[in-house]
Each structure stands twice: as structure tokens, then as C-alpha cells.
PDB file of N, CA and C in Angstrom:
ATOM      1  N   MET A   1     -20.120 -21.006  41.073  1.00  0.00           N
ATOM      2  CA  MET A   1     -18.694 -21.041  40.816  1.00  0.00           C
ATOM      3  C   MET A   1     -18.399 -20.258  39.534  1.00  0.00           C
ATOM      4  N   ILE A   2     -17.283 -19.566  39.499  1.00  0.00           N
ATOM      5  CA  ILE A   2     -16.944 -18.673  38.390  1.00  0.00           C
ATOM      6  C   ILE A   2     -16.592 -19.428  37.120  1.00  0.00           C
ATOM      7  N   VAL A   3     -15.867 -20.507  37.210  1.00  0.00           N
ATOM      8  CA  VAL A   3     -15.420 -21.223  36.012  1.00  0.00           C
ATOM      9  C   VAL A   3     -16.597 -21.735  35.178  1.00  0.00           C
ATOM     10  N   PRO A   4     -17.584 -22.410  35.757  1.00  0.00           N
ATOM     11  CA  PRO A   4     -18.723 -22.832  34.945  1.00  0.00           C
ATOM     12  C   PRO A   4     -19.495 -21.651  34.346  1.00  0.00           C
ATOM     13  N   GLN A   5     -19.607 -20.555  35.076  1.00  0.00           N
ATOM     14  CA  GLN A   5     -20.290 -19.370  34.540  1.00  0.00           C
ATOM     15  C   GLN A   5     -19.519 -18.825  33.336  1.00  0.00           C
ATOM     16  N   SER A   6     -18.214 -18.758  33.456  1.00  0.00           N
ATOM     17  CA  SER A   6     -17.383 -18.271  32.351  1.00  0.00           C
ATOM     18  C   SER A   6     -17.510 -19.181  31.144  1.00  0.00           C
ATOM     19  N   ALA A   7     -17.555 -20.471  31.386  1.00  0.00           N
ATOM     20  CA  ALA A   7     -17.696 -21.425  30.287  1.00  0.00           C
ATOM     21  C   ALA A   7     -19.037 -21.232  29.585  1.00  0.00           C
ATOM     22  N   ARG A   8     -20.085 -20.978  30.355  1.00  0.00           N
ATOM     23  CA  ARG A   8     -21.408 -20.731  29.758  1.00  0.00           C
ATOM     24  C   ARG A   8     -21.404 -19.459  28.916  1.00  0.00           C
ATOM     25  N   VAL A   9     -20.764 -18.424  29.437  1.00  0.00           N
ATOM     26  CA  VAL A   9     -20.693 -17.162  28.693  1.00  0.00           C
ATOM     27  C   VAL A   9     -19.926 -17.376  27.397  1.00  0.00           C
ATOM     28  N   LEU A  10     -18.814 -18.090  27.470  1.00  0.00           N
ATOM     29  CA  LEU A  10     -18.038 -18.381  26.254  1.00  0.00           C
ATOM     30  C   LEU A  10     -18.851 -19.195  25.257  1.00  0.00           C
ATOM     31  N   ASP A  11     -19.605 -20.153  25.755  1.00  0.00           N
ATOM     32  CA  ASP A  11     -20.464 -20.945  24.867  1.00  0.00           C
ATOM     33  C   ASP A  11     -21.509 -20.066  24.186  1.00  0.00           C
ATOM     34  N   GLN A  12     -22.050 -19.101  24.924  1.00  0.00           N
ATOM     35  CA  GLN A  12     -23.047 -18.201  24.352  1.00  0.00           C
ATOM     36  C   GLN A  12     -22.424 -17.246  23.329  1.00  0.00           C
ATOM     37  N   LEU A  13     -21.181 -16.862  23.572  1.00  0.00           N
ATOM     38  CA  LEU A  13     -20.512 -15.920  22.673  1.00  0.00           C
ATOM     39  C   LEU A  13     -19.911 -16.589  21.439  1.00  0.00           C
ATOM     40  N   ALA A  14     -19.705 -17.870  21.483  1.00  0.00           N
ATOM     41  CA  ALA A  14     -19.048 -18.576  20.373  1.00  0.00           C
ATOM     42  C   ALA A  14     -19.723 -18.320  19.023  1.00  0.00           C
ATOM     43  N   PRO A  15     -21.056 -18.404  18.910  1.00  0.00           N
ATOM     44  CA  PRO A  15     -21.674 -18.132  17.605  1.00  0.00           C
ATOM     45  C   PRO A  15     -21.497 -16.679  17.147  1.00  0.00           C
ATOM     46  N   VAL A  16     -21.520 -15.752  18.093  1.00  0.00           N
ATOM     47  CA  VAL A  16     -21.336 -14.340  17.764  1.00  0.00           C
ATOM     48  C   VAL A  16     -19.912 -14.113  17.255  1.00  0.00           C
ATOM     49  N   ILE A  17     -18.947 -14.689  17.942  1.00  0.00           N
ATOM     50  CA  ILE A  17     -17.546 -14.563  17.532  1.00  0.00           C
ATOM     51  C   ILE A  17     -17.332 -15.200  16.163  1.00  0.00           C
ATOM     52  N   ALA A  18     -17.933 -16.339  15.929  1.00  0.00           N
ATOM     53  CA  ALA A  18     -17.805 -17.016  14.634  1.00  0.00           C
ATOM     54  C   ALA A  18     -18.387 -16.139  13.519  1.00  0.00           C
ATOM     55  N   GLU A  19     -19.515 -15.500  13.770  1.00  0.00           N
ATOM     56  CA  GLU A  19     -20.124 -14.611  12.767  1.00  0.00           C
ATOM     57  C   GLU A  19     -19.230 -13.405  12.494  1.00  0.00           C
ATOM     58  N   LEU A  20     -18.641 -12.837  13.534  1.00  0.00           N
ATOM     59  CA  LEU A  20     -17.726 -11.711  13.354  1.00  0.00           C
ATOM     60  C   LEU A  20     -16.483 -12.134  12.573  1.00  0.00           C
ATOM     61  N   ASP A  21     -15.963 -13.324  12.866  1.00  0.00           N
ATOM     62  CA  ASP A  21     -14.819 -13.848  12.116  1.00  0.00           C
ATOM     63  C   ASP A  21     -15.163 -13.995  10.633  1.00  0.00           C
ATOM     64  N   ARG A  22     -16.355 -14.485  10.348  1.00  0.00           N
ATOM     65  CA  ARG A  22     -16.796 -14.625   8.945  1.00  0.00           C
ATOM     66  C   ARG A  22     -16.897 -13.257   8.270  1.00  0.00           C
ATOM     67  N   ALA A  23     -17.441 -12.267   8.980  1.00  0.00           N
ATOM     68  CA  ALA A  23     -17.582 -10.923   8.421  1.00  0.00           C
ATOM     69  C   ALA A  23     -16.220 -10.293   8.131  1.00  0.00           C
ATOM     70  N   VAL A  24     -15.286 -10.487   9.034  1.00  0.00           N
ATOM     71  CA  VAL A  24     -13.931  -9.961   8.821  1.00  0.00           C
ATOM     72  C   VAL A  24     -13.282 -10.651   7.635  1.00  0.00           C
ATOM     73  N   ALA A  25     -13.418 -11.969   7.553  1.00  0.00           N
ATOM     74  CA  ALA A  25     -12.834 -12.715   6.430  1.00  0.00           C
ATOM     75  C   ALA A  25     -13.437 -12.262   5.103  1.00  0.00           C
ATOM     76  N   GLU A  26     -14.739 -12.041   5.069  1.00  0.00           N
ATOM     77  CA  GLU A  26     -15.401 -11.562   3.845  1.00  0.00           C
ATOM     78  C   GLU A  26     -14.883 -10.187   3.443  1.00  0.00           C
ATOM     79  N   GLU A  27     -14.759  -9.303   4.409  1.00  0.00           N
ATOM     80  CA  GLU A  27     -14.278  -7.949   4.116  1.00  0.00           C
ATOM     81  C   GLU A  27     -12.827  -7.984   3.653  1.00  0.00           C
ATOM     82  N   ALA A  28     -12.014  -8.813   4.274  1.00  0.00           N
ATOM     83  CA  ALA A  28     -10.613  -8.927   3.868  1.00  0.00           C
ATOM     84  C   ALA A  28     -10.508  -9.454   2.442  1.00  0.00           C
ATOM     85  N   GLU A  29     -11.365 -10.395   2.072  1.00  0.00           N
ATOM     86  CA  GLU A  29     -11.342 -10.956   0.711  1.00  0.00           C
ATOM     87  C   GLU A  29     -11.739  -9.920  -0.337  1.00  0.00           C
ATOM     88  N   LYS A  30     -12.517  -8.908   0.045  1.00  0.00           N
ATOM     89  CA  LYS A  30     -12.944  -7.861  -0.891  1.00  0.00           C
ATOM     90  C   LYS A  30     -11.813  -6.890  -1.221  1.00  0.00           C
ATOM     91  N   ARG A  31     -10.788  -6.860  -0.391  1.00  0.00           N
ATOM     92  CA  ARG A  31      -9.716  -5.872  -0.540  1.00  0.00           C
ATOM     93  C   ARG A  31      -8.442  -6.535  -1.066  1.00  0.00           C
ATOM     94  N   SER A  32      -8.001  -6.081  -2.215  1.00  0.00           N
ATOM     95  CA  SER A  32      -6.824  -6.702  -2.837  1.00  0.00           C
ATOM     96  C   SER A  32      -5.583  -6.570  -1.971  1.00  0.00           C
ATOM     97  N   ASP A  33      -5.417  -5.433  -1.294  1.00  0.00           N
ATOM     98  CA  ASP A  33      -4.234  -5.263  -0.448  1.00  0.00           C
ATOM     99  C   ASP A  33      -4.267  -6.223   0.745  1.00  0.00           C
ATOM    100  N   ALA A  34      -5.437  -6.484   1.296  1.00  0.00           N
ATOM    101  CA  ALA A  34      -5.554  -7.449   2.396  1.00  0.00           C
ATOM    102  C   ALA A  34      -5.300  -8.867   1.884  1.00  0.00           C
ATOM    103  N   ARG A  35      -5.802  -9.188   0.685  1.00  0.00           N
ATOM    104  CA  ARG A  35      -5.549 -10.519   0.115  1.00  0.00           C
ATOM    105  C   ARG A  35      -4.055 -10.749  -0.092  1.00  0.00           C
ATOM    106  N   ARG A  36      -3.348  -9.707  -0.566  1.00  0.00           N
ATOM    107  CA  ARG A  36      -1.900  -9.830  -0.755  1.00  0.00           C
ATOM    108  C   ARG A  36      -1.198 -10.096   0.567  1.00  0.00           C
ATOM    109  N   LEU A  37      -1.614  -9.389   1.605  1.00  0.00           N
ATOM    110  CA  LEU A  37      -1.004  -9.604   2.919  1.00  0.00           C
ATOM    111  C   LEU A  37      -1.254 -11.022   3.423  1.00  0.00           C
ATOM    112  N   MET A  38      -2.452 -11.542   3.160  1.00  0.00           N
ATOM    113  CA  MET A  38      -2.796 -12.887   3.645  1.00  0.00           C
ATOM    114  C   MET A  38      -2.008 -13.983   2.932  1.00  0.00           C
ATOM    115  N   GLU A  39      -1.335 -13.648   1.846  1.00  0.00           N
ATOM    116  CA  GLU A  39      -0.481 -14.621   1.172  1.00  0.00           C
ATOM    117  C   GLU A  39       0.784 -14.898   1.979  1.00  0.00           C
ATOM    118  N   GLN A  40       1.088 -14.026   2.920  1.00  0.00           N
ATOM    119  CA  GLN A  40       2.280 -14.195   3.756  1.00  0.00           C
ATOM    120  C   GLN A  40       1.981 -15.165   4.897  1.00  0.00           C
ATOM    121  N   PRO A  41       2.926 -16.040   5.213  1.00  0.00           N
ATOM    122  CA  PRO A  41       2.710 -16.986   6.316  1.00  0.00           C
ATOM    123  C   PRO A  41       2.421 -16.253   7.627  1.00  0.00           C
ATOM    124  N   GLY A  42       1.409 -16.704   8.321  1.00  0.00           N
ATOM    125  CA  GLY A  42       1.067 -16.153   9.627  1.00  0.00           C
ATOM    126  C   GLY A  42       0.153 -14.936   9.600  1.00  0.00           C
ATOM    127  N   VAL A  43      -0.216 -14.454   8.419  1.00  0.00           N
ATOM    128  CA  VAL A  43      -1.110 -13.294   8.333  1.00  0.00           C
ATOM    129  C   VAL A  43      -2.516 -13.792   8.040  1.00  0.00           C
ATOM    130  N   ASN A  44      -3.389 -13.659   9.030  1.00  0.00           N
ATOM    131  CA  ASN A  44      -4.774 -14.101   8.877  1.00  0.00           C
ATOM    132  C   ASN A  44      -5.655 -12.918   8.480  1.00  0.00           C
ATOM    133  N   PRO A  45      -6.919 -13.133   8.192  1.00  0.00           N
ATOM    134  CA  PRO A  45      -7.796 -12.035   7.778  1.00  0.00           C
ATOM    135  C   PRO A  45      -7.886 -10.899   8.793  1.00  0.00           C
ATOM    136  N   VAL A  46      -7.898 -11.213  10.074  1.00  0.00           N
ATOM    137  CA  VAL A  46      -7.992 -10.171  11.099  1.00  0.00           C
ATOM    138  C   VAL A  46      -6.757  -9.274  11.039  1.00  0.00           C
ATOM    139  N   THR A  47      -5.581  -9.877  10.985  1.00  0.00           N
ATOM    140  CA  THR A  47      -4.333  -9.112  10.935  1.00  0.00           C
ATOM    141  C   THR A  47      -4.258  -8.275   9.662  1.00  0.00           C
ATOM    142  N   ALA A  48      -4.584  -8.893   8.529  1.00  0.00           N
ATOM    143  CA  ALA A  48      -4.508  -8.191   7.249  1.00  0.00           C
ATOM    144  C   ALA A  48      -5.468  -7.010   7.212  1.00  0.00           C
ATOM    145  N   LEU A  49      -6.704  -7.220   7.624  1.00  0.00           N
ATOM    146  CA  LEU A  49      -7.691  -6.146   7.579  1.00  0.00           C
ATOM    147  C   LEU A  49      -7.331  -5.034   8.557  1.00  0.00           C
ATOM    148  N   MET A  50      -6.876  -5.383   9.752  1.00  0.00           N
ATOM    149  CA  MET A  50      -6.462  -4.382  10.737  1.00  0.00           C
ATOM    150  C   MET A  50      -5.332  -3.537  10.176  1.00  0.00           C
ATOM    151  N   PHE A  51      -4.355  -4.166   9.541  1.00  0.00           N
ATOM    152  CA  PHE A  51      -3.221  -3.439   8.986  1.00  0.00           C
ATOM    153  C   PHE A  51      -3.674  -2.496   7.870  1.00  0.00           C
ATOM    154  N   VAL A  52      -4.477  -3.013   6.956  1.00  0.00           N
ATOM    155  CA  VAL A  52      -4.952  -2.213   5.826  1.00  0.00           C
ATOM    156  C   VAL A  52      -5.779  -1.018   6.308  1.00  0.00           C
ATOM    157  N   LEU A  53      -6.662  -1.243   7.263  1.00  0.00           N
ATOM    158  CA  LEU A  53      -7.506  -0.154   7.759  1.00  0.00           C
ATOM    159  C   LEU A  53      -6.718   0.848   8.594  1.00  0.00           C
ATOM    160  N   THR A  54      -5.689   0.387   9.273  1.00  0.00           N
ATOM    161  CA  THR A  54      -4.863   1.281  10.083  1.00  0.00           C
ATOM    162  C   THR A  54      -3.954   2.135   9.210  1.00  0.00           C
ATOM    163  N   ILE A  55      -3.337   1.511   8.219  1.00  0.00           N
ATOM    164  CA  ILE A  55      -2.368   2.198   7.359  1.00  0.00           C
ATOM    165  C   ILE A  55      -3.060   3.089   6.325  1.00  0.00           C
ATOM    166  N   GLY A  56      -4.162   2.636   5.792  1.00  0.00           N
ATOM    167  CA  GLY A  56      -4.790   3.379   4.709  1.00  0.00           C
ATOM    168  C   GLY A  56      -4.024   3.149   3.421  1.00  0.00           C
ATOM    169  N   PRO A  57      -4.079   4.083   2.483  1.00  0.00           N
ATOM    170  CA  PRO A  57      -3.369   3.892   1.213  1.00  0.00           C
ATOM    171  C   PRO A  57      -1.856   3.811   1.438  1.00  0.00           C
ATOM    172  N   ALA A  58      -1.264   2.705   1.061  1.00  0.00           N
ATOM    173  CA  ALA A  58       0.172   2.493   1.284  1.00  0.00           C
ATOM    174  C   ALA A  58       1.019   3.477   0.489  1.00  0.00           C
ATOM    175  N   GLU A  59       0.473   4.016  -0.584  1.00  0.00           N
ATOM    176  CA  GLU A  59       1.226   4.932  -1.441  1.00  0.00           C
ATOM    177  C   GLU A  59       1.629   6.209  -0.707  1.00  0.00           C
ATOM    178  N   ARG A  60       0.964   6.514   0.394  1.00  0.00           N
ATOM    179  CA  ARG A  60       1.293   7.746   1.110  1.00  0.00           C
ATOM    180  C   ARG A  60       2.602   7.630   1.889  1.00  0.00           C
ATOM    181  N   PHE A  61       3.146   6.437   1.996  1.00  0.00           N
ATOM    182  CA  PHE A  61       4.421   6.223   2.667  1.00  0.00           C
ATOM    183  C   PHE A  61       5.510   6.000   1.618  1.00  0.00           C
ATOM    184  N   ARG A  62       6.606   6.742   1.737  1.00  0.00           N
ATOM    185  CA  ARG A  62       7.692   6.592   0.780  1.00  0.00           C
ATOM    186  C   ARG A  62       8.608   5.430   1.121  1.00  0.00           C
ATOM    187  N   SER A  63       8.601   4.991   2.377  1.00  0.00           N
ATOM    188  CA  SER A  63       9.502   3.903   2.767  1.00  0.00           C
ATOM    189  C   SER A  63       8.884   3.102   3.909  1.00  0.00           C
ATOM    190  N   SER A  64       9.457   1.927   4.123  1.00  0.00           N
ATOM    191  CA  SER A  64       8.988   1.091   5.238  1.00  0.00           C
ATOM    192  C   SER A  64       9.287   1.761   6.576  1.00  0.00           C
ATOM    193  N   LYS A  65      10.336   2.572   6.634  1.00  0.00           N
ATOM    194  CA  LYS A  65      10.652   3.289   7.872  1.00  0.00           C
ATOM    195  C   LYS A  65       9.522   4.234   8.267  1.00  0.00           C
ATOM    196  N   GLN A  66       8.865   4.823   7.284  1.00  0.00           N
ATOM    197  CA  GLN A  66       7.743   5.710   7.579  1.00  0.00           C
ATOM    198  C   GLN A  66       6.561   4.932   8.149  1.00  0.00           C
ATOM    199  N   VAL A  67       6.342   3.726   7.643  1.00  0.00           N
ATOM    200  CA  VAL A  67       5.261   2.880   8.168  1.00  0.00           C
ATOM    201  C   VAL A  67       5.567   2.498   9.613  1.00  0.00           C
ATOM    202  N   VAL A  68       6.800   2.093   9.873  1.00  0.00           N
ATOM    203  CA  VAL A  68       7.217   1.717  11.228  1.00  0.00           C
ATOM    204  C   VAL A  68       7.017   2.896  12.177  1.00  0.00           C
ATOM    205  N   SER A  69       7.421   4.077  11.748  1.00  0.00           N
ATOM    206  CA  SER A  69       7.281   5.265  12.573  1.00  0.00           C
ATOM    207  C   SER A  69       5.805   5.605  12.791  1.00  0.00           C
ATOM    208  N   TYR A  70       4.998   5.505  11.734  1.00  0.00           N
ATOM    209  CA  TYR A  70       3.565   5.796  11.828  1.00  0.00           C
ATOM    210  C   TYR A  70       2.890   4.898  12.870  1.00  0.00           C
ATOM    211  N   LEU A  71       3.289   3.634  12.885  1.00  0.00           N
ATOM    212  CA  LEU A  71       2.705   2.686  13.832  1.00  0.00           C
ATOM    213  C   LEU A  71       3.330   2.781  15.223  1.00  0.00           C
ATOM    214  N   GLY A  72       4.406   3.544  15.353  1.00  0.00           N
ATOM    215  CA  GLY A  72       5.086   3.670  16.647  1.00  0.00           C
ATOM    216  C   GLY A  72       5.897   2.450  16.998  1.00  0.00           C
ATOM    217  N   LEU A  73       6.352   1.711  16.005  1.00  0.00           N
ATOM    218  CA  LEU A  73       7.100   0.475  16.257  1.00  0.00           C
ATOM    219  C   LEU A  73       8.607   0.698  16.298  1.00  0.00           C
ATOM    220  N   ASN A  74       9.045   1.934  16.081  1.00  0.00           N
ATOM    221  CA  ASN A  74      10.469   2.195  16.139  1.00  0.00           C
ATOM    222  C   ASN A  74      10.941   2.117  17.589  1.00  0.00           C
ATOM    223  N   PRO A  75      12.176   1.663  17.807  1.00  0.00           N
ATOM    224  CA  PRO A  75      12.658   1.501  19.185  1.00  0.00           C
ATOM    225  C   PRO A  75      12.818   2.853  19.874  1.00  0.00           C
ATOM    226  N   ARG A  76      12.645   2.828  21.186  1.00  0.00           N
ATOM    227  CA  ARG A  76      12.856   4.041  21.973  1.00  0.00           C
ATOM    228  C   ARG A  76      14.347   4.335  22.010  1.00  0.00           C
ATOM    229  N   GLU A  77      14.664   5.599  22.056  1.00  0.00           N
ATOM    230  CA  GLU A  77      16.063   5.996  22.134  1.00  0.00           C
ATOM    231  C   GLU A  77      16.300   6.689  23.461  1.00  0.00           C
ATOM    232  N   SER A  78      17.386   6.292  24.109  1.00  0.00           N
ATOM    233  CA  SER A  78      17.790   6.911  25.367  1.00  0.00           C
ATOM    234  C   SER A  78      19.253   7.276  25.220  1.00  0.00           C
ATOM    235  N   SER A  79      19.513   8.529  24.882  1.00  0.00           N
ATOM    236  CA  SER A  79      20.880   8.964  24.611  1.00  0.00           C
ATOM    237  C   SER A  79      21.310  10.009  25.616  1.00  0.00           C
ATOM    238  N   SER A  80      22.598   9.985  25.920  1.00  0.00           N
ATOM    239  CA  SER A  80      23.187  11.038  26.742  1.00  0.00           C
ATOM    240  C   SER A  80      24.628  11.202  26.291  1.00  0.00           C
ATOM    241  N   GLY A  81      24.990  12.409  25.967  1.00  0.00           N
ATOM    242  CA  GLY A  81      26.352  12.655  25.504  1.00  0.00           C
ATOM    243  C   GLY A  81      26.653  11.873  24.243  1.00  0.00           C
ATOM    244  N   ALA A  82      27.750  11.157  24.251  1.00  0.00           N
ATOM    245  CA  ALA A  82      28.181  10.390  23.075  1.00  0.00           C
ATOM    246  C   ALA A  82      27.567   8.995  23.049  1.00  0.00           C
ATOM    247  N   ARG A  83      26.891   8.621  24.128  1.00  0.00           N
ATOM    248  CA  ARG A  83      26.329   7.270  24.230  1.00  0.00           C
ATOM    249  C   ARG A  83      24.916   7.233  23.656  1.00  0.00           C
ATOM    250  N   GLN A  84      24.679   6.313  22.755  1.00  0.00           N
ATOM    251  CA  GLN A  84      23.341   6.152  22.186  1.00  0.00           C
ATOM    252  C   GLN A  84      22.846   4.764  22.538  1.00  0.00           C
ATOM    253  N   LYS A  85      21.650   4.694  23.089  1.00  0.00           N
ATOM    254  CA  LYS A  85      21.085   3.408  23.484  1.00  0.00           C
ATOM    255  C   LYS A  85      19.685   3.295  22.905  1.00  0.00           C
ATOM    256  N   LEU A  86      19.446   2.218  22.144  1.00  0.00           N
ATOM    257  CA  LEU A  86      18.122   1.955  21.607  1.00  0.00           C
ATOM    258  C   LEU A  86      17.488   0.842  22.422  1.00  0.00           C
ATOM    259  N   ALA A  87      16.346   1.139  22.986  1.00  0.00           N
ATOM    260  CA  ALA A  87      15.632   0.136  23.781  1.00  0.00           C
ATOM    261  C   ALA A  87      14.947  -0.843  22.836  1.00  0.00           C
ATOM    262  N   PRO A  88      14.886  -2.125  23.199  1.00  0.00           N
ATOM    263  CA  PRO A  88      14.281  -3.114  22.307  1.00  0.00           C
ATOM    264  C   PRO A  88      12.770  -2.994  22.174  1.00  0.00           C
ATOM    265  N   SER A  89      12.114  -2.335  23.110  1.00  0.00           N
ATOM    266  CA  SER A  89      10.657  -2.259  23.041  1.00  0.00           C
ATOM    267  C   SER A  89      10.225  -1.042  22.237  1.00  0.00           C
ATOM    268  N   ALA A  90       8.988  -1.057  21.822  1.00  0.00           N
ATOM    269  CA  ALA A  90       8.444   0.020  21.012  1.00  0.00           C
ATOM    270  C   ALA A  90       8.185   1.251  21.874  1.00  0.00           C
ATOM    271  N   SER A  91       8.017   2.364  21.213  1.00  0.00           N
ATOM    272  CA  SER A  91       7.775   3.614  21.926  1.00  0.00           C
ATOM    273  C   SER A  91       6.391   3.616  22.560  1.00  0.00           C
ATOM    274  N   LYS A  92       6.155   4.564  23.454  1.00  0.00           N
ATOM    275  CA  LYS A  92       4.851   4.668  24.118  1.00  0.00           C
ATOM    276  C   LYS A  92       3.749   5.065  23.148  1.00  0.00           C
ATOM    277  N   ALA A  93       4.130   5.601  22.003  1.00  0.00           N
ATOM    278  CA  ALA A  93       3.141   6.028  21.012  1.00  0.00           C
ATOM    279  C   ALA A  93       2.644   4.875  20.154  1.00  0.00           C
ATOM    280  N   THR A  94       3.102   3.668  20.436  1.00  0.00           N
ATOM    281  CA  THR A  94       2.741   2.510  19.623  1.00  0.00           C
ATOM    282  C   THR A  94       1.243   2.251  19.632  1.00  0.00           C
ATOM    283  N   ASP A  95       0.709   1.970  18.462  1.00  0.00           N
ATOM    284  CA  ASP A  95      -0.687   1.576  18.330  1.00  0.00           C
ATOM    285  C   ASP A  95      -0.809   0.173  18.939  1.00  0.00           C
ATOM    286  N   SER A  96      -1.605   0.035  19.984  1.00  0.00           N
ATOM    287  CA  SER A  96      -1.686  -1.247  20.684  1.00  0.00           C
ATOM    288  C   SER A  96      -2.157  -2.377  19.779  1.00  0.00           C
ATOM    289  N   HIS A  97      -2.943  -2.079  18.734  1.00  0.00           N
ATOM    290  CA  HIS A  97      -3.382  -3.117  17.820  1.00  0.00           C
ATOM    291  C   HIS A  97      -2.250  -3.601  16.935  1.00  0.00           C
ATOM    292  N   ALA A  98      -1.286  -2.735  16.702  1.00  0.00           N
ATOM    293  CA  ALA A  98      -0.201  -3.060  15.782  1.00  0.00           C
ATOM    294  C   ALA A  98       0.736  -4.117  16.343  1.00  0.00           C
ATOM    295  N   ILE A  99       0.789  -4.261  17.650  1.00  0.00           N
ATOM    296  CA  ILE A  99       1.733  -5.218  18.230  1.00  0.00           C
ATOM    297  C   ILE A  99       1.056  -6.392  18.900  1.00  0.00           C
ATOM    298  N   SER A 100      -0.244  -6.468  18.818  1.00  0.00           N
ATOM    299  CA  SER A 100      -0.930  -7.588  19.474  1.00  0.00           C
ATOM    300  C   SER A 100      -1.036  -8.787  18.577  1.00  0.00           C
TER     301      SER A 100
END
């Protein structure tokens, strides 16, 4: 049966996942920018480290709009004539890690 097999695989992977979580937490603690992000509610070590590694030096962006654009999180625009419509979802260029 598939369910018991899946449960066994998850049980076998649990220690590996726990070790990876520890490694990510350690790396995030080494980086001051990741530590600052983790001070925000809901930002865990995985999110903070992913953001820091994806963005790189924050100084290269002059505004938050540039960060949003870099990550592809700006809304899609569908305009014709005088009508402008912004779609609520992110553009196709969105970094899939940025919205997960």
C-alpha cells in the first residue's frame, strides 16, 4: 500500500530534513541581514536566508519598487487604449521561491 510506504520514507527523511533545517538556521544566524529579517513576525531562517541569497547586497537597490520588480512580484498589466488593468497575480517572470 502506498500510504505506509510514504510514511516510511518520511520517517527515513525526517533526520535528514532536521539536519538541513539546523544548517540553514546556523547559516542564517551568521548573516546580520538575515538576523534582521528574522526579527519580523513570520520570517523564519529559511525565508530570511532565501531572501538574502536571492537579493544579494540590498544596497544595489535604490527603492523597494526595484526589489519587487527584481523578484517579479509586480502585478501584470493588461492595457488597451485608455483602459488600464492590473492583474492581482504576479508576472510570469516571478521567482517561484519568492512567493512560496
